[in-house]
Amino acid sequence: MRLSTAVPAAWIVLAVAVSSAQAAPSADARFKTIYTKEWKWRVAEQLARGEGERGVGTSFARVDAPAQEARRVYWEGILKELDGIRPAALSAPEQVNYAVYRAQIAALLDAQRFREYEQPVNADSAFWTSVTFSARRPFATREDYRNYLQQLAALPGYFEQETANMRAGLARGFTPPRVTLAGRDVALAAIAEAKSAQDVVFYTPFKTMPAAIPAGEQEALRAQAREVIRRQVQPAYARVLAFFRNDYVPQARATLAAESMPGGKAYYQSKIVEFTTTHLTAEQIHAIGLAEMAKIRAEMLETMKQAGFAGELPAFLQFLRTDPQFYARTPQELLMRAAWTAKKFDAKADQYFGYLPRRRFAILPVPDDQAPFYTAGRGGPGAYWVNTYNLPARALYSLPALTLHESAPGHAFQMPVAQEQKGVPNFRRAYISAFGEGWALYAERLGAEMGIYETPYEHFGMLSYQAWRASRLVVDTGIHAKGWTREQAQAYLMENTALARHEVETEVDRYISWPGQALSYYLGQMTIQAARAKAEKALGSKFDIRNFHDTVLQLGSVPLPVLEQRIDQFIAEGGKSPYPKEL
């Protein structure tokens, strides 16, 4: 008798299901395919630098309307692909990557939807100042110089595209408020009206050139630089200067609030989401700011007593703003005091951090052409820029807090730690303001634990900076959602911080023209402090401050909910270091 070769139908269904499962890519693989292709596209668009790319570029990214619309369409497609993946199906590491990446793509897409590229200028920065950063970098090879000359030759075309974007924004009322643009033509005029090409910042790399380049070739490169600066760069700046003075500023909007711009409330809420990585409303953030200001005010009054000051807070603030003992006499003195604080941190770094970044940083003055409207300082990988302009506005009692924020353990420390992590997707190198600024503000508070603040005045300077950031929650939402005037915002900072009037004015203009960015600092710090308190309570004697800090910084830059989840994991694992023991 012959055996039947028929296969039960149920077996066929099972076999097909198994085969399909084996053939279908895993959620991790699908996700990696999406972000890998998008990053390659981003590099090709010159919106990011490629892996290992260190030299000088030869051109600028396209910023014209067709290129911007193509980016909107592309990121919209990427977001749809991402939403086709269930985060729960991803492995634990990829769930973190997914949370970071989706938020990043959503923010990029929102910027395109609201056509933010039509406002490439605000009270803090502009495309004509951003392009000067290449000139301030050291060049190592003849190829760097040749590429740089090509870049300078491409600058007029790039400026034409940005000017067209500004015209489009002007036509629909999408501009910074006119009041915040006064005097912002200084950086344009410094280049457009320079008497000699050698006086222009773009000539800086040619003043001192590597000895490996023969003298004759050096002179030829210098001659080319003078020619391209005189015939192409300066005329391009002159055209933008004329447009800015004659058309843009006179026709810029008279209103202040982001909610009065095209897109209204939805636009401001998109900036809140981008800069805080939360879905808090403007009303909720305003209330948080008022509550935190009350707490800080109590600390300030206690510190006044420690300083032996018998008067009220307004009198103490006036004393701090006017007494000569609190101000440097020379730019060099200010820079040296900043360096002294940075070295005080170095002496205690290993007590608070297990992992120390290899990248060091220089302490440099803010360039003269940017200083009048620049913040008190700014830091990042390799540099801590100190603003030595208008020394009566640069209080020494707040310099230690500023230094901890901008240098170490703030930006010039945190960013290199993130960059040195191995096996992290390229998109994780991007900066998320709520995390980065929250960490830097936490670093200011940490200075009190570390013994960095040596006098009640320096401790008050730290508290003043805390109040400054908490007051931003009140001021930013006040301006953009509650109808506050510029004068009202300035008065609030003058009454609640020890900032000098010059700094109050430049800061308020920054908040007015850059909606939402100021919200990231204090909300980020609050999240880190709450996570630390939770870990200390849960771990008790097992809590090691070095392991906590290493765990936070190893993440790189992530949305605040991701940070909270990572600290929950840190607690569940017993507070162990995220690094191998040999480190």
Protein backbone atom coordinates (compact mmCIF):
# COMPACT_ATOMS: atom_id res chain seq x y z
CA MET A 1 0.00 0.00 0.00
CA ARG A 2 1.38 3.42 -0.98
CA LEU A 3 1.64 6.18 1.72
CA SER A 4 -0.21 9.40 0.97
CA THR A 5 2.02 12.43 0.22
CA ALA A 6 -0.66 14.95 1.09
CA VAL A 7 0.37 17.56 3.70
CA PRO A 8 -2.24 18.77 6.20
CA ALA A 9 -3.44 22.31 5.45
CA ALA A 10 -2.54 23.51 8.95
CA TRP A 11 1.08 22.47 8.39
CA ILE A 12 1.19 24.49 5.16
CA VAL A 13 -0.10 27.59 6.94
CA LEU A 14 2.48 27.13 9.73
CA ALA A 15 5.33 26.67 7.25
CA VAL A 16 4.38 29.81 5.32
CA ALA A 17 4.14 31.82 8.54
CA VAL A 18 7.59 30.66 9.69
CA SER A 19 9.07 31.37 6.27
CA SER A 20 7.55 34.86 6.18
CA ALA A 21 8.85 35.66 9.66
CA GLN A 22 12.33 34.59 8.63
CA ALA A 23 12.19 36.62 5.43
CA ALA A 24 10.76 39.80 6.98
CA PRO A 25 13.41 42.13 8.38
CA SER A 26 13.38 42.71 12.12
CA ALA A 27 12.13 46.02 13.50
CA ASP A 28 15.73 46.91 14.40
CA ALA A 29 16.90 46.27 10.84
CA ARG A 30 14.05 48.29 9.32
CA PHE A 31 14.76 51.18 11.64
CA LYS A 32 18.49 51.12 10.91
CA THR A 33 17.78 51.12 7.17
CA ILE A 34 15.63 54.24 7.57
CA TYR A 35 18.08 56.30 9.60
CA THR A 36 21.12 55.16 7.62
CA LYS A 37 19.68 56.26 4.29
CA GLU A 38 18.36 59.51 5.74
CA TRP A 39 21.73 60.39 7.24
CA LYS A 40 23.49 59.73 3.93
CA TRP A 41 20.96 62.00 2.26
CA ARG A 42 21.53 64.64 4.95
CA VAL A 43 25.28 64.55 4.33
CA ALA A 44 24.72 64.78 0.56
CA GLU A 45 22.52 67.83 1.16
CA GLN A 46 25.37 69.36 3.23
CA LEU A 47 23.10 69.53 6.26
CA ALA A 48 25.54 67.35 8.23
CA ARG A 49 29.18 66.35 8.03
CA GLY A 50 30.14 62.85 6.99
CA GLU A 51 31.90 60.35 9.24
CA GLY A 52 35.52 61.39 9.72
CA GLU A 53 35.04 64.57 7.64
CA ARG A 54 37.36 67.15 9.15
CA GLY A 55 38.57 69.41 6.32
CA VAL A 56 37.23 72.64 4.88
CA GLY A 57 34.24 72.41 2.53
CA THR A 58 34.19 73.93 -0.95
CA SER A 59 30.60 75.15 -1.04
CA PHE A 60 27.43 75.85 0.92
CA ALA A 61 24.22 73.87 1.22
CA ARG A 62 21.43 74.95 -1.11
CA VAL A 63 18.89 77.00 0.83
CA ASP A 64 16.58 78.19 -1.97
CA ALA A 65 12.82 77.51 -1.84
CA PRO A 66 12.81 74.44 -4.16
CA ALA A 67 15.55 72.77 -2.08
CA GLN A 68 13.68 73.59 1.13
CA GLU A 69 10.41 72.17 -0.20
CA ALA A 70 12.22 68.99 -1.30
CA ARG A 71 13.50 68.60 2.26
CA ARG A 72 10.00 68.98 3.66
CA VAL A 73 8.72 66.25 1.36
CA TYR A 74 11.66 63.97 2.16
CA TRP A 75 11.36 64.30 5.96
CA GLU A 76 7.59 63.85 5.72
CA GLY A 77 8.23 60.53 4.01
CA ILE A 78 10.80 59.52 6.65
CA LEU A 79 8.33 60.29 9.44
CA LYS A 80 5.72 58.08 7.78
CA GLU A 81 8.24 55.25 7.58
CA LEU A 82 9.11 55.69 11.25
CA ASP A 83 5.46 55.59 12.24
CA GLY A 84 5.24 52.23 10.51
CA ILE A 85 7.48 50.75 13.20
CA ARG A 86 6.18 49.79 16.63
CA PRO A 87 8.71 51.08 19.19
CA ALA A 88 7.88 48.14 21.48
CA ALA A 89 9.14 45.76 18.78
CA LEU A 90 12.62 47.33 18.90
CA SER A 91 15.47 46.17 21.12
CA ALA A 92 16.14 48.28 24.22
CA PRO A 93 19.07 50.26 22.69
CA GLU A 94 17.12 50.92 19.50
CA GLN A 95 14.10 52.10 21.48
CA VAL A 96 16.31 54.89 22.84
CA ASN A 97 17.62 55.64 19.34
CA TYR A 98 14.06 55.67 17.99
CA ALA A 99 12.86 58.16 20.61
CA VAL A 100 15.78 60.47 19.85
CA TYR A 101 15.54 60.12 16.09
CA ARG A 102 11.77 60.50 15.73
CA ALA A 103 11.80 63.68 17.84
CA GLN A 104 14.67 65.00 15.71
CA ILE A 105 12.89 64.32 12.41
CA ALA A 106 9.62 65.77 13.75
CA ALA A 107 11.42 69.01 14.73
CA LEU A 108 13.16 69.24 11.35
CA LEU A 109 9.86 68.68 9.56
CA ASP A 110 8.03 71.28 11.66
CA ALA A 111 10.71 73.84 10.80
CA GLN A 112 10.13 73.16 7.11
CA ARG A 113 6.33 73.22 7.43
CA PHE A 114 6.44 76.64 9.09
CA ARG A 115 9.12 77.74 6.56
CA GLU A 116 11.53 78.89 9.24
CA TYR A 117 14.23 79.15 6.57
CA GLU A 118 12.52 82.39 5.51
CA GLN A 119 13.91 83.99 8.70
CA PRO A 120 17.68 83.25 8.58
CA VAL A 121 18.41 86.04 11.06
CA ASN A 122 17.53 86.85 14.66
CA ALA A 123 18.88 89.07 17.41
CA ASP A 124 21.49 86.44 18.33
CA SER A 125 22.88 85.30 14.98
CA ALA A 126 22.48 85.37 11.22
CA PHE A 127 23.76 83.56 8.14
CA TRP A 128 26.33 86.31 7.55
CA THR A 129 27.89 85.71 10.98
CA SER A 130 27.64 81.91 10.83
CA VAL A 131 29.77 81.72 7.68
CA THR A 132 32.66 83.46 9.43
CA PHE A 133 33.31 80.46 11.71
CA SER A 134 35.34 78.71 8.99
CA ALA A 135 37.71 81.67 8.98
CA ARG A 136 38.38 81.24 12.69
CA ARG A 137 39.43 77.59 12.40
CA PRO A 138 43.09 76.62 11.99
CA PHE A 139 43.93 75.27 8.52
CA ALA A 140 46.44 72.44 8.28
CA THR A 141 46.98 71.73 4.56
CA ARG A 142 47.17 73.43 1.19
CA GLU A 143 43.98 71.55 0.32
CA ASP A 144 42.21 73.34 3.19
CA TYR A 145 43.24 76.69 1.72
CA ARG A 146 42.22 75.77 -1.82
CA ASN A 147 38.87 74.47 -0.65
CA TYR A 148 38.36 77.59 1.42
CA LEU A 149 38.98 79.82 -1.60
CA GLN A 150 36.33 77.87 -3.52
CA GLN A 151 33.98 78.34 -0.57
CA LEU A 152 34.55 82.10 -0.58
CA ALA A 153 33.85 82.19 -4.32
CA ALA A 154 30.55 80.38 -3.68
CA LEU A 155 29.50 82.81 -0.95
CA PRO A 156 27.71 85.38 -3.19
CA GLY A 157 25.37 82.70 -4.58
CA TYR A 158 24.59 81.45 -1.09
CA PHE A 159 23.88 85.02 0.09
CA GLU A 160 21.51 85.56 -2.87
CA GLN A 161 19.49 82.51 -1.83
CA GLU A 162 19.30 83.63 1.79
CA THR A 163 18.30 87.15 0.75
CA ALA A 164 15.49 85.69 -1.39
CA ASN A 165 14.36 83.73 1.67
CA MET A 166 14.33 86.92 3.73
CA ARG A 167 12.23 88.65 1.05
CA ALA A 168 9.71 85.79 1.11
CA GLY A 169 9.49 85.95 4.90
CA LEU A 170 9.10 89.73 4.77
CA ALA A 171 6.19 89.39 2.33
CA ARG A 172 4.20 87.25 4.77
CA GLY A 173 5.22 88.89 8.04
CA PHE A 174 7.59 86.10 9.08
CA THR A 175 10.48 88.19 10.42
CA PRO A 176 12.06 89.00 13.76
CA PRO A 177 10.41 91.99 15.46
CA ARG A 178 11.85 95.22 14.09
CA VAL A 179 12.90 96.43 17.53
CA THR A 180 15.31 93.47 17.93
CA LEU A 181 17.14 94.21 14.67
CA ALA A 182 18.51 97.64 15.56
CA GLY A 183 22.29 97.65 15.25
CA ARG A 184 22.48 94.10 13.88
CA ASP A 185 24.01 95.47 10.68
CA VAL A 186 27.36 95.97 12.47
CA ALA A 187 28.77 92.59 11.41
CA LEU A 188 27.69 93.23 7.81
CA ALA A 189 29.23 96.68 7.73
CA ALA A 190 32.50 95.47 9.27
CA ILE A 191 33.10 93.36 6.17
CA ALA A 192 31.32 95.34 3.45
CA GLU A 193 33.00 98.63 4.39
CA ALA A 194 36.49 97.36 5.29
CA LYS A 195 39.19 99.41 3.55
CA SER A 196 41.38 96.42 2.84
CA ALA A 197 40.73 92.74 2.18
CA GLN A 198 43.38 91.99 4.79
CA ASP A 199 41.22 93.68 7.45
CA VAL A 200 38.32 91.28 6.78
CA VAL A 201 37.83 88.27 9.06
CA PHE A 202 37.86 85.93 6.05
CA TYR A 203 41.54 86.74 5.53
CA THR A 204 42.47 85.47 9.03
CA PRO A 205 43.69 81.98 7.94
CA PHE A 206 46.19 83.58 5.56
CA LYS A 207 47.92 85.72 8.18
CA THR A 208 49.74 82.73 9.66
CA MET A 209 50.12 79.72 7.38
CA PRO A 210 51.70 76.28 7.96
CA ALA A 211 55.45 76.16 7.33
CA ALA A 212 54.93 73.00 5.25
CA ILE A 213 53.46 75.18 2.48
CA PRO A 214 56.34 76.78 0.47
CA ALA A 215 56.68 80.56 0.78
CA GLY A 216 55.94 81.12 -2.90
CA GLU A 217 52.74 79.09 -2.74
CA GLN A 218 51.73 80.89 0.45
CA GLU A 219 51.99 84.24 -1.30
CA ALA A 220 50.02 82.99 -4.30
CA LEU A 221 47.24 81.76 -2.01
CA ARG A 222 47.23 85.08 -0.18
CA ALA A 223 46.91 86.97 -3.45
CA GLN A 224 43.97 84.79 -4.47
CA ALA A 225 42.36 85.40 -1.10
CA ARG A 226 42.68 89.18 -1.39
CA GLU A 227 41.18 89.02 -4.86
CA VAL A 228 38.15 86.88 -3.98
CA ILE A 229 37.46 88.87 -0.80
CA ARG A 230 37.66 92.22 -2.60
CA ARG A 231 35.75 91.25 -5.76
CA GLN A 232 33.21 88.72 -4.45
CA VAL A 233 32.88 88.56 -0.68
CA GLN A 234 32.77 92.27 0.14
CA PRO A 235 30.28 93.10 -2.65
CA ALA A 236 28.04 90.23 -1.45
CA TYR A 237 28.07 91.67 2.07
CA ALA A 238 27.41 95.16 0.70
CA ARG A 239 24.31 93.96 -1.15
CA VAL A 240 22.90 92.27 1.95
CA LEU A 241 23.77 95.35 4.05
CA ALA A 242 21.84 97.64 1.70
CA PHE A 243 18.84 95.29 1.67
CA PHE A 244 18.91 94.89 5.45
CA ARG A 245 19.07 98.63 6.12
CA ASN A 246 16.76 99.89 3.38
CA ASP A 247 14.12 97.17 3.10
CA TYR A 248 14.23 94.46 5.75
CA VAL A 249 14.45 96.43 8.99
CA PRO A 250 11.97 99.18 7.99
CA GLN A 251 9.38 96.58 6.91
CA ALA A 252 9.97 93.97 9.64
CA ARG A 253 6.97 93.26 11.86
CA ALA A 254 6.16 95.58 14.74
CA THR A 255 4.61 92.84 16.91
CA LEU A 256 6.64 90.75 19.40
CA ALA A 257 4.72 87.52 20.02
CA ALA A 258 5.40 84.31 18.14
CA GLU A 259 1.64 83.77 18.32
CA SER A 260 1.22 86.87 16.11
CA MET A 261 3.31 85.29 13.34
CA PRO A 262 1.94 83.07 10.56
CA GLY A 263 0.94 79.80 12.22
CA GLY A 264 0.14 81.56 15.50
CA LYS A 265 -0.31 79.31 18.51
CA ALA A 266 0.62 76.17 16.58
CA TYR A 267 3.97 77.70 15.63
CA TYR A 268 4.85 78.64 19.22
CA GLN A 269 3.74 75.23 20.51
CA SER A 270 6.02 73.58 17.92
CA LYS A 271 8.94 75.57 19.34
CA ILE A 272 8.00 74.54 22.88
CA VAL A 273 8.05 70.89 21.83
CA GLU A 274 11.36 71.30 19.98
CA PHE A 275 13.21 73.12 22.75
CA THR A 276 11.76 71.36 25.81
CA THR A 277 11.05 67.88 24.33
CA THR A 278 7.80 67.97 26.31
CA HIS A 279 4.18 68.73 25.47
CA LEU A 280 3.74 71.33 28.22
CA THR A 281 1.64 74.36 27.30
CA ALA A 282 2.76 77.97 27.54
CA GLU A 283 0.39 78.47 30.49
CA GLN A 284 1.88 75.49 32.39
CA ILE A 285 5.45 76.67 31.76
CA HIS A 286 4.62 80.20 32.89
CA ALA A 287 3.25 78.84 36.18
CA ILE A 288 6.33 76.66 36.72
CA GLY A 289 8.53 79.70 36.21
CA LEU A 290 6.68 81.79 38.77
CA ALA A 291 6.85 78.99 41.36
CA GLU A 292 10.57 78.41 40.83
CA MET A 293 11.33 82.12 40.99
CA ALA A 294 9.74 82.26 44.45
CA LYS A 295 12.02 79.43 45.67
CA ILE A 296 15.15 81.06 44.27
CA ARG A 297 14.21 84.44 45.73
CA ALA A 298 14.21 82.87 49.21
CA GLU A 299 17.73 81.49 48.60
CA MET A 300 18.90 84.89 47.39
CA LEU A 301 17.67 86.61 50.53
CA GLU A 302 19.47 84.06 52.72
CA THR A 303 22.72 84.58 50.77
CA MET A 304 22.38 88.35 51.21
CA LYS A 305 22.39 87.80 54.96
CA GLN A 306 25.55 85.69 54.68
CA ALA A 307 27.18 88.57 52.79
CA GLY A 308 26.29 90.89 55.69
CA PHE A 309 24.09 93.17 53.59
CA ALA A 310 21.38 94.83 55.67
CA GLY A 311 19.23 96.38 52.92
CA GLU A 312 16.51 95.04 50.63
CA LEU A 313 17.06 93.03 47.44
CA PRO A 314 16.78 95.99 45.02
CA ALA A 315 19.50 97.84 46.96
CA PHE A 316 21.71 94.74 46.95
CA LEU A 317 21.27 94.32 43.19
CA GLN A 318 22.20 97.99 42.68
CA PHE A 319 25.29 97.48 44.87
CA LEU A 320 26.35 94.45 42.81
CA ARG A 321 25.82 96.29 39.52
CA THR A 322 27.82 99.38 40.48
CA ASP A 323 30.61 98.55 42.95
CA PRO A 324 34.00 98.49 41.12
CA GLN A 325 35.26 95.53 43.18
CA PHE A 326 32.99 93.23 41.13
CA TYR A 327 34.31 94.15 37.68
CA ALA A 328 37.47 93.45 35.73
CA ARG A 329 39.55 96.40 34.60
CA THR A 330 40.88 94.77 31.44
CA PRO A 331 39.75 92.04 29.03
CA GLN A 332 42.81 90.05 30.03
CA GLU A 333 41.78 90.11 33.69
CA LEU A 334 38.34 88.73 32.79
CA LEU A 335 39.88 85.94 30.71
CA MET A 336 42.34 85.05 33.47
CA ARG A 337 39.60 84.88 36.10
CA ALA A 338 37.63 82.54 33.83
CA ALA A 339 40.72 80.36 33.45
CA TRP A 340 41.18 80.26 37.24
CA THR A 341 37.66 78.89 37.74
CA ALA A 342 38.21 76.30 35.01
CA LYS A 343 41.34 75.06 36.78
CA LYS A 344 39.50 74.88 40.11
CA PHE A 345 37.10 72.45 38.46
CA ASP A 346 40.01 70.36 37.14
CA ALA A 347 41.23 69.84 40.70
CA LYS A 348 37.94 68.19 41.68
CA ALA A 349 36.79 66.60 38.43
CA ASP A 350 37.67 63.00 39.37
CA GLN A 351 35.56 63.25 42.55
CA TYR A 352 32.41 63.84 40.50
CA PHE A 353 33.07 62.11 37.17
CA GLY A 354 34.47 58.69 36.35
CA TYR A 355 34.82 59.39 32.63
CA LEU A 356 36.77 62.50 31.65
CA PRO A 357 36.79 63.57 27.97
CA ARG A 358 40.07 63.62 26.06
CA ARG A 359 39.20 66.86 24.26
CA ARG A 360 40.59 70.00 25.95
CA PHE A 361 39.31 73.55 25.42
CA ALA A 362 40.79 77.00 24.92
CA ILE A 363 39.49 80.16 26.58
CA LEU A 364 39.04 82.86 23.93
CA PRO A 365 37.51 86.35 23.66
CA VAL A 366 34.35 86.72 21.58
CA PRO A 367 35.34 88.33 18.24
CA ASP A 368 34.90 92.11 18.18
CA ASP A 369 32.46 92.07 15.27
CA GLN A 370 30.03 89.83 17.20
CA ALA A 371 30.60 90.91 20.82
CA PRO A 372 28.15 93.85 21.15
CA PHE A 373 25.10 91.60 20.71
CA TYR A 374 26.58 88.29 21.88
CA THR A 375 25.83 86.48 25.11
CA ALA A 376 28.23 86.73 28.08
CA GLY A 377 29.89 83.51 26.98
CA ARG A 378 29.45 80.40 24.90
CA GLY A 379 31.14 77.03 24.98
CA GLY A 380 31.48 73.85 22.99
CA PRO A 381 34.05 71.27 21.90
CA GLY A 382 37.48 72.88 22.05
CA ALA A 383 36.49 76.41 23.06
CA TYR A 384 34.98 78.61 25.76
CA TRP A 385 34.28 82.07 24.35
CA VAL A 386 34.21 84.89 26.94
CA ASN A 387 32.65 88.22 25.99
CA THR A 388 35.09 90.97 26.96
CA TYR A 389 33.00 93.74 25.37
CA ASN A 390 31.56 96.33 27.80
CA LEU A 391 33.39 95.16 30.94
CA PRO A 392 30.99 97.00 33.33
CA ALA A 393 28.37 94.45 32.18
CA ARG A 394 30.57 91.39 32.93
CA ALA A 395 30.36 90.83 36.68
CA LEU A 396 33.14 88.80 38.28
CA TYR A 397 30.79 87.38 40.91
CA SER A 398 28.79 85.59 38.19
CA LEU A 399 31.84 84.54 36.15
CA PRO A 400 32.35 81.23 38.06
CA ALA A 401 28.78 80.12 37.25
CA LEU A 402 29.18 81.20 33.62
CA THR A 403 32.45 79.28 33.37
CA LEU A 404 31.01 76.07 34.80
CA HIS A 405 28.09 76.37 32.35
CA GLU A 406 30.10 77.04 29.21
CA SER A 407 33.35 75.15 29.86
CA ALA A 408 33.62 72.23 32.28
CA PRO A 409 31.58 70.41 33.40
CA GLY A 410 29.19 72.22 31.05
CA HIS A 411 29.22 72.45 27.26
CA ALA A 412 32.96 72.08 26.58
CA PHE A 413 32.91 68.92 28.73
CA GLN A 414 29.50 67.39 27.97
CA MET A 415 29.71 67.67 24.18
CA PRO A 416 33.11 65.90 23.87
CA VAL A 417 31.89 63.11 26.17
CA ALA A 418 28.98 62.57 23.78
CA GLN A 419 31.25 62.66 20.73
CA GLU A 420 33.63 60.09 22.22
CA GLN A 421 30.96 57.42 22.71
CA LYS A 422 31.49 54.40 20.45
CA GLY A 423 28.89 52.60 18.36
CA VAL A 424 26.39 55.46 18.43
CA PRO A 425 24.47 56.38 15.24
CA ASN A 426 25.53 59.68 13.68
CA PHE A 427 22.18 61.32 14.36
CA ARG A 428 22.84 60.89 18.09
CA ARG A 429 25.62 63.50 17.79
CA ALA A 430 23.01 66.23 17.22
CA TYR A 431 22.46 68.74 20.02
CA ILE A 432 19.16 68.72 21.92
CA SER A 433 18.75 71.99 23.77
CA ALA A 434 16.67 70.74 26.72
CA PHE A 435 19.32 68.15 27.57
CA GLY A 436 22.46 70.17 26.75
CA GLU A 437 21.36 73.45 28.32
CA GLY A 438 19.71 71.61 31.21
CA TRP A 439 23.00 69.86 31.93
CA ALA A 440 24.99 73.10 31.73
CA LEU A 441 22.62 74.79 34.16
CA TYR A 442 22.82 71.76 36.48
CA ALA A 443 26.62 72.21 36.29
CA GLU A 444 26.23 75.70 37.77
CA ARG A 445 24.36 74.29 40.78
CA LEU A 446 26.90 71.48 41.07
CA GLY A 447 29.57 74.15 41.59
CA ALA A 448 28.17 74.82 45.06
CA GLU A 449 28.70 71.15 46.03
CA MET A 450 32.19 71.22 44.54
CA GLY A 451 33.23 74.28 46.52
CA ILE A 452 33.84 76.42 43.44
CA TYR A 453 32.02 79.47 44.84
CA GLU A 454 34.33 80.97 47.46
CA THR A 455 32.32 84.00 48.63
CA PRO A 456 28.65 84.77 49.28
CA TYR A 457 28.83 87.09 46.27
CA GLU A 458 29.88 84.27 43.95
CA HIS A 459 27.17 82.05 45.42
CA PHE A 460 24.68 84.86 44.81
CA GLY A 461 25.99 85.13 41.26
CA MET A 462 25.08 81.48 40.77
CA LEU A 463 21.62 82.09 42.24
CA SER A 464 21.18 85.13 40.02
CA TYR A 465 21.94 82.92 37.03
CA GLN A 466 19.43 80.35 38.31
CA ALA A 467 16.85 83.13 38.60
CA TRP A 468 17.80 84.34 35.12
CA ARG A 469 16.98 80.90 33.63
CA ALA A 470 13.84 80.39 35.72
CA SER A 471 12.66 83.88 34.76
CA ARG A 472 13.01 82.88 31.11
CA LEU A 473 10.08 80.52 31.62
CA VAL A 474 8.06 83.54 32.69
CA VAL A 475 9.43 86.01 30.15
CA ASP A 476 9.43 83.80 27.04
CA THR A 477 5.85 82.65 27.58
CA GLY A 478 4.90 86.15 28.68
CA ILE A 479 6.15 87.66 25.42
CA HIS A 480 5.01 84.97 23.03
CA ALA A 481 1.70 83.87 24.58
CA LYS A 482 0.55 86.47 27.11
CA GLY A 483 1.08 89.80 25.39
CA TRP A 484 4.06 91.09 27.40
CA THR A 485 5.93 94.13 26.11
CA ARG A 486 9.70 94.36 25.66
CA GLU A 487 9.88 96.83 28.55
CA GLN A 488 7.86 94.52 30.79
CA ALA A 489 10.25 91.64 30.09
CA GLN A 490 13.30 93.82 30.74
CA ALA A 491 11.85 95.08 34.02
CA TYR A 492 11.18 91.51 35.18
CA LEU A 493 14.84 90.53 34.65
CA MET A 494 16.13 93.72 36.25
CA GLU A 495 13.99 93.12 39.34
CA ASN A 496 14.78 89.45 39.76
CA THR A 497 18.43 89.02 38.70
CA ALA A 498 21.75 90.82 39.11
CA LEU A 499 22.31 91.02 35.35
CA ALA A 500 23.59 94.34 34.04
CA ARG A 501 21.17 96.39 31.95
CA HIS A 502 23.17 95.80 28.75
CA GLU A 503 22.91 92.06 29.23
CA VAL A 504 19.21 92.28 30.12
CA GLU A 505 18.52 94.18 26.90
CA THR A 506 20.47 91.80 24.64
CA GLU A 507 18.95 88.76 26.35
CA VAL A 508 15.36 89.94 26.07
CA ASP A 509 15.86 90.70 22.38
CA ARG A 510 17.23 87.19 21.97
CA TYR A 511 14.10 85.68 23.56
CA ILE A 512 11.82 87.86 21.45
CA SER A 513 13.46 86.85 18.17
CA TRP A 514 14.13 83.18 19.05
CA PRO A 515 10.83 81.81 20.44
CA GLY A 516 11.04 78.86 22.81
CA GLN A 517 14.82 78.41 22.98
CA ALA A 518 15.03 80.07 26.40
CA LEU A 519 12.62 77.49 27.85
CA SER A 520 15.05 74.60 27.48
CA TYR A 521 17.50 75.52 30.25
CA TYR A 522 15.52 75.42 33.47
CA LEU A 523 13.14 72.64 32.47
CA GLY A 524 16.14 70.51 31.54
CA GLN A 525 17.88 71.23 34.84
CA MET A 526 14.73 70.40 36.80
CA THR A 527 14.53 67.01 35.08
CA ILE A 528 18.17 66.17 35.88
CA GLN A 529 17.82 67.29 39.50
CA ALA A 530 14.61 65.28 39.94
CA ALA A 531 16.24 62.20 38.39
CA ARG A 532 19.20 62.53 40.74
CA ALA A 533 16.97 62.93 43.80
CA LYS A 534 15.03 59.84 42.77
CA ALA A 535 18.24 57.82 42.35
CA GLU A 536 19.68 59.02 45.67
CA LYS A 537 16.50 58.04 47.53
CA ALA A 538 16.19 54.64 45.81
CA LEU A 539 19.87 53.63 46.02
CA GLY A 540 20.78 55.05 49.41
CA SER A 541 24.38 54.16 50.27
CA LYS A 542 24.85 52.57 46.82
CA PHE A 543 24.45 55.93 45.11
CA ASP A 544 27.74 57.13 43.56
CA ILE A 545 27.65 60.63 42.12
CA ARG A 546 30.31 59.71 39.54
CA ASN A 547 28.24 56.83 38.20
CA PHE A 548 25.14 59.04 38.02
CA HIS A 549 26.93 61.78 36.10
CA ASP A 550 28.58 59.28 33.76
CA THR A 551 25.21 57.66 33.07
CA VAL A 552 23.61 61.00 32.20
CA LEU A 553 26.45 62.18 29.97
CA GLN A 554 26.96 58.85 28.21
CA LEU A 555 23.49 59.28 26.69
CA GLY A 556 24.76 62.16 24.59
CA SER A 557 21.82 64.46 23.93
CA VAL A 558 18.34 62.97 24.32
CA PRO A 559 14.75 64.09 24.92
CA LEU A 560 14.00 64.53 28.63
CA PRO A 561 11.61 61.53 28.85
CA VAL A 562 14.45 59.30 27.54
CA LEU A 563 16.75 60.62 30.27
CA GLU A 564 14.14 59.83 32.93
CA GLN A 565 13.76 56.27 31.59
CA ARG A 566 17.54 55.77 31.60
CA ILE A 567 17.82 56.80 35.24
CA ASP A 568 15.02 54.37 36.12
CA GLN A 569 17.19 51.68 34.49
CA PHE A 570 20.25 52.99 36.38
CA ILE A 571 18.33 52.52 39.64
CA ALA A 572 17.12 49.05 38.66
CA GLU A 573 20.73 48.03 37.91
CA GLY A 574 21.90 49.13 41.35
CA GLY A 575 23.54 52.41 40.34
CA LYS A 576 26.47 50.84 38.55
CA SER A 577 28.83 52.70 36.22
CA PRO A 578 27.86 52.61 32.53
CA TYR A 579 31.53 52.05 31.62
CA PRO A 580 33.71 48.91 31.85
CA LYS A 581 35.76 48.66 35.04
CA GLU A 582 39.05 49.36 33.26
CA LEU A 583 37.83 52.88 32.54
